[in-house]
N, C-alpha and C. Protein backbone atom coordinates (compact mmCIF):
# COMPACT_ATOMS: atom_id res chain seq x y z
N UNK A 1 38.98 113.51 202.93
CA UNK A 1 39.79 114.72 202.84
C UNK A 1 41.11 114.35 202.18
N UNK A 2 41.58 115.23 201.33
CA UNK A 2 42.87 115.02 200.66
C UNK A 2 43.88 116.01 201.22
N UNK A 3 45.12 115.53 201.31
CA UNK A 3 46.22 116.45 201.60
C UNK A 3 47.20 116.37 200.43
N UNK A 4 47.82 117.47 200.14
CA UNK A 4 48.78 117.60 199.05
C UNK A 4 50.15 117.82 199.66
N UNK A 5 51.15 117.08 199.15
CA UNK A 5 52.48 117.17 199.73
C UNK A 5 53.56 117.26 198.66
N UNK A 6 54.62 117.96 199.01
CA UNK A 6 55.88 117.83 198.28
C UNK A 6 56.73 116.95 199.16
N UNK A 7 57.37 115.93 198.57
CA UNK A 7 58.15 114.98 199.35
C UNK A 7 59.61 114.98 198.89
N UNK A 8 60.47 114.45 199.76
CA UNK A 8 61.89 114.34 199.41
C UNK A 8 62.07 113.33 198.29
N UNK A 9 63.15 113.43 197.57
CA UNK A 9 63.38 112.56 196.41
C UNK A 9 64.07 111.25 196.76
N UNK A 10 64.25 110.97 198.05
CA UNK A 10 64.86 109.71 198.45
C UNK A 10 63.78 108.64 198.66
N UNK A 11 64.20 107.46 199.10
CA UNK A 11 63.27 106.35 199.29
C UNK A 11 62.26 106.60 200.41
N UNK A 12 62.59 107.47 201.34
CA UNK A 12 61.69 107.74 202.46
C UNK A 12 60.50 108.61 202.08
N UNK A 13 60.67 109.46 201.08
CA UNK A 13 59.63 110.39 200.62
C UNK A 13 59.01 111.15 201.80
N UNK A 14 59.87 111.77 202.59
CA UNK A 14 59.40 112.55 203.73
C UNK A 14 58.77 113.85 203.26
N UNK A 15 57.73 114.30 203.94
CA UNK A 15 57.07 115.55 203.54
C UNK A 15 57.97 116.76 203.72
N UNK A 16 58.02 117.58 202.71
CA UNK A 16 58.75 118.85 202.77
C UNK A 16 57.75 119.97 203.01
N UNK A 17 56.58 119.86 202.38
CA UNK A 17 55.50 120.82 202.54
C UNK A 17 54.18 120.07 202.47
N UNK A 18 53.22 120.48 203.29
CA UNK A 18 51.91 119.83 203.33
C UNK A 18 50.84 120.91 203.28
N UNK A 19 49.81 120.68 202.45
CA UNK A 19 48.74 121.67 202.30
C UNK A 19 47.40 120.96 202.09
N UNK A 20 46.33 121.73 202.23
CA UNK A 20 44.98 121.20 202.05
C UNK A 20 44.54 121.18 200.60
N UNK A 21 45.25 121.87 199.72
CA UNK A 21 44.87 121.92 198.31
C UNK A 21 46.12 122.10 197.44
N UNK A 22 45.96 121.80 196.17
CA UNK A 22 47.06 122.02 195.22
C UNK A 22 47.39 123.50 195.13
N UNK A 23 46.36 124.33 195.19
CA UNK A 23 46.57 125.78 195.12
C UNK A 23 47.40 126.27 196.30
N UNK A 24 47.08 125.77 197.50
CA UNK A 24 47.82 126.18 198.69
C UNK A 24 49.27 125.69 198.64
N UNK A 25 49.47 124.45 198.18
CA UNK A 25 50.82 123.91 198.07
C UNK A 25 51.63 124.71 197.06
N UNK A 26 51.02 125.01 195.92
CA UNK A 26 51.71 125.79 194.89
C UNK A 26 52.12 127.16 195.42
N UNK A 27 51.24 127.80 196.16
CA UNK A 27 51.56 129.10 196.74
C UNK A 27 52.71 129.00 197.72
N UNK A 28 52.71 127.95 198.54
CA UNK A 28 53.78 127.74 199.52
C UNK A 28 55.13 127.57 198.82
N UNK A 29 55.11 126.89 197.67
CA UNK A 29 56.35 126.56 196.96
C UNK A 29 56.75 127.60 195.92
N UNK A 30 55.87 128.56 195.66
CA UNK A 30 56.17 129.59 194.67
C UNK A 30 56.12 129.07 193.24
N UNK A 31 55.22 128.11 192.99
CA UNK A 31 55.04 127.55 191.65
C UNK A 31 53.56 127.62 191.29
N UNK A 32 53.24 127.23 190.08
CA UNK A 32 51.84 127.25 189.68
C UNK A 32 51.17 125.91 190.02
N UNK A 33 49.87 125.97 190.20
CA UNK A 33 49.09 124.76 190.44
C UNK A 33 49.23 123.80 189.27
N UNK A 34 49.32 124.33 188.07
CA UNK A 34 49.45 123.51 186.86
C UNK A 34 50.73 122.68 186.89
N UNK A 35 51.79 123.20 187.48
CA UNK A 35 53.05 122.46 187.60
C UNK A 35 52.85 121.20 188.42
N UNK A 36 52.12 121.32 189.51
CA UNK A 36 51.86 120.17 190.37
C UNK A 36 51.01 119.15 189.65
N UNK A 37 49.90 119.61 189.05
CA UNK A 37 49.01 118.70 188.32
C UNK A 37 49.73 117.99 187.17
N UNK A 38 50.54 118.72 186.43
CA UNK A 38 51.25 118.14 185.28
C UNK A 38 52.27 117.10 185.75
N UNK A 39 52.96 117.40 186.81
CA UNK A 39 53.97 116.47 187.32
C UNK A 39 53.31 115.17 187.79
N UNK A 40 52.21 115.27 188.52
CA UNK A 40 51.50 114.08 188.98
C UNK A 40 50.95 113.29 187.81
N UNK A 41 50.38 113.98 186.83
CA UNK A 41 49.81 113.32 185.66
C UNK A 41 50.87 112.56 184.87
N UNK A 42 52.02 113.18 184.65
CA UNK A 42 53.10 112.53 183.90
C UNK A 42 53.65 111.32 184.67
N UNK A 43 53.70 111.41 185.97
CA UNK A 43 54.17 110.31 186.81
C UNK A 43 53.20 109.13 186.76
N UNK A 44 51.90 109.42 186.90
CA UNK A 44 50.90 108.35 186.88
C UNK A 44 50.80 107.67 185.52
N UNK A 45 51.05 108.41 184.45
CA UNK A 45 50.96 107.84 183.10
C UNK A 45 52.21 107.04 182.73
N UNK A 46 53.24 107.15 183.55
CA UNK A 46 54.48 106.43 183.27
C UNK A 46 55.48 107.23 182.46
N UNK A 47 55.11 108.45 182.10
CA UNK A 47 56.00 109.32 181.33
C UNK A 47 57.23 109.70 182.15
N UNK A 48 57.05 109.78 183.47
CA UNK A 48 58.15 110.08 184.39
C UNK A 48 58.26 108.98 185.43
N UNK A 49 59.47 108.71 185.87
CA UNK A 49 59.65 107.67 186.87
C UNK A 49 59.58 108.20 188.30
N UNK A 50 59.68 109.51 188.46
CA UNK A 50 59.64 110.12 189.78
C UNK A 50 58.74 111.33 189.78
N UNK A 51 58.20 111.64 190.96
CA UNK A 51 57.36 112.83 191.11
C UNK A 51 57.53 113.34 192.54
N UNK A 52 57.80 114.62 192.70
CA UNK A 52 58.01 115.14 194.05
C UNK A 52 56.70 115.47 194.79
N UNK A 53 55.56 115.22 194.15
CA UNK A 53 54.27 115.57 194.76
C UNK A 53 53.43 114.34 195.02
N UNK A 54 52.65 114.40 196.09
CA UNK A 54 51.74 113.30 196.43
C UNK A 54 50.41 113.89 196.87
N UNK A 55 49.35 113.17 196.53
CA UNK A 55 48.01 113.49 197.02
C UNK A 55 47.57 112.28 197.82
N UNK A 56 47.24 112.51 199.07
CA UNK A 56 46.90 111.41 199.97
C UNK A 56 45.48 111.62 200.50
N UNK A 57 44.66 110.60 200.36
CA UNK A 57 43.30 110.63 200.92
C UNK A 57 43.39 110.14 202.36
N UNK A 58 42.86 110.95 203.27
CA UNK A 58 42.88 110.55 204.67
C UNK A 58 41.45 110.56 205.21
N UNK A 59 41.19 109.65 206.13
CA UNK A 59 39.89 109.62 206.79
C UNK A 59 39.95 110.53 207.99
N UNK A 60 38.95 111.37 208.11
CA UNK A 60 38.87 112.26 209.25
C UNK A 60 37.61 111.92 210.02
N UNK A 61 37.81 111.46 211.24
CA UNK A 61 36.68 111.13 212.09
C UNK A 61 36.36 112.34 212.96
N UNK A 62 35.08 112.55 213.22
CA UNK A 62 34.72 113.68 214.10
C UNK A 62 35.33 113.50 215.48
N UNK A 63 35.77 114.58 216.04
CA UNK A 63 36.37 114.52 217.37
C UNK A 63 35.31 114.16 218.40
N UNK A 64 35.70 113.33 219.31
CA UNK A 64 34.78 112.99 220.39
C UNK A 64 34.78 114.16 221.37
N UNK A 65 33.61 114.54 221.78
CA UNK A 65 33.52 115.64 222.73
C UNK A 65 33.23 115.09 224.10
N UNK A 66 33.86 115.67 225.06
CA UNK A 66 33.65 115.25 226.45
C UNK A 66 32.35 115.85 226.95
N UNK A 67 31.54 115.02 227.50
CA UNK A 67 30.27 115.50 228.06
C UNK A 67 30.43 115.65 229.57
N UNK A 68 30.15 116.83 230.03
CA UNK A 68 30.27 117.09 231.46
C UNK A 68 28.94 116.76 232.13
N UNK A 69 29.03 116.08 233.23
CA UNK A 69 27.84 115.76 234.00
C UNK A 69 27.61 116.91 234.96
N UNK A 70 26.69 117.80 234.63
CA UNK A 70 26.42 118.96 235.44
C UNK A 70 25.30 118.72 236.44
N UNK A 71 24.80 117.52 236.53
CA UNK A 71 23.69 117.23 237.43
C UNK A 71 24.12 117.24 238.89
N UNK A 72 25.42 117.21 239.17
CA UNK A 72 25.90 117.21 240.55
C UNK A 72 25.95 118.60 241.15
N UNK A 73 25.70 119.61 240.37
CA UNK A 73 25.81 120.99 240.87
C UNK A 73 24.64 121.37 241.72
């Protein structure tokens, strides 16, 4: 699963906005999805030294469900 973030411009890069997709992040920020994609692309290519957006791949493990022992009833 990927999450899309806008981060602060300091060394900490703290999340300002977090979304499940570029489209959702763009809507939250009032910008176009193309703006996010272009900014990330220019940053990765070295054209820009900074980028306010990050895409992070996270592992999501299924939640463990509690099994109730109903045999005592």
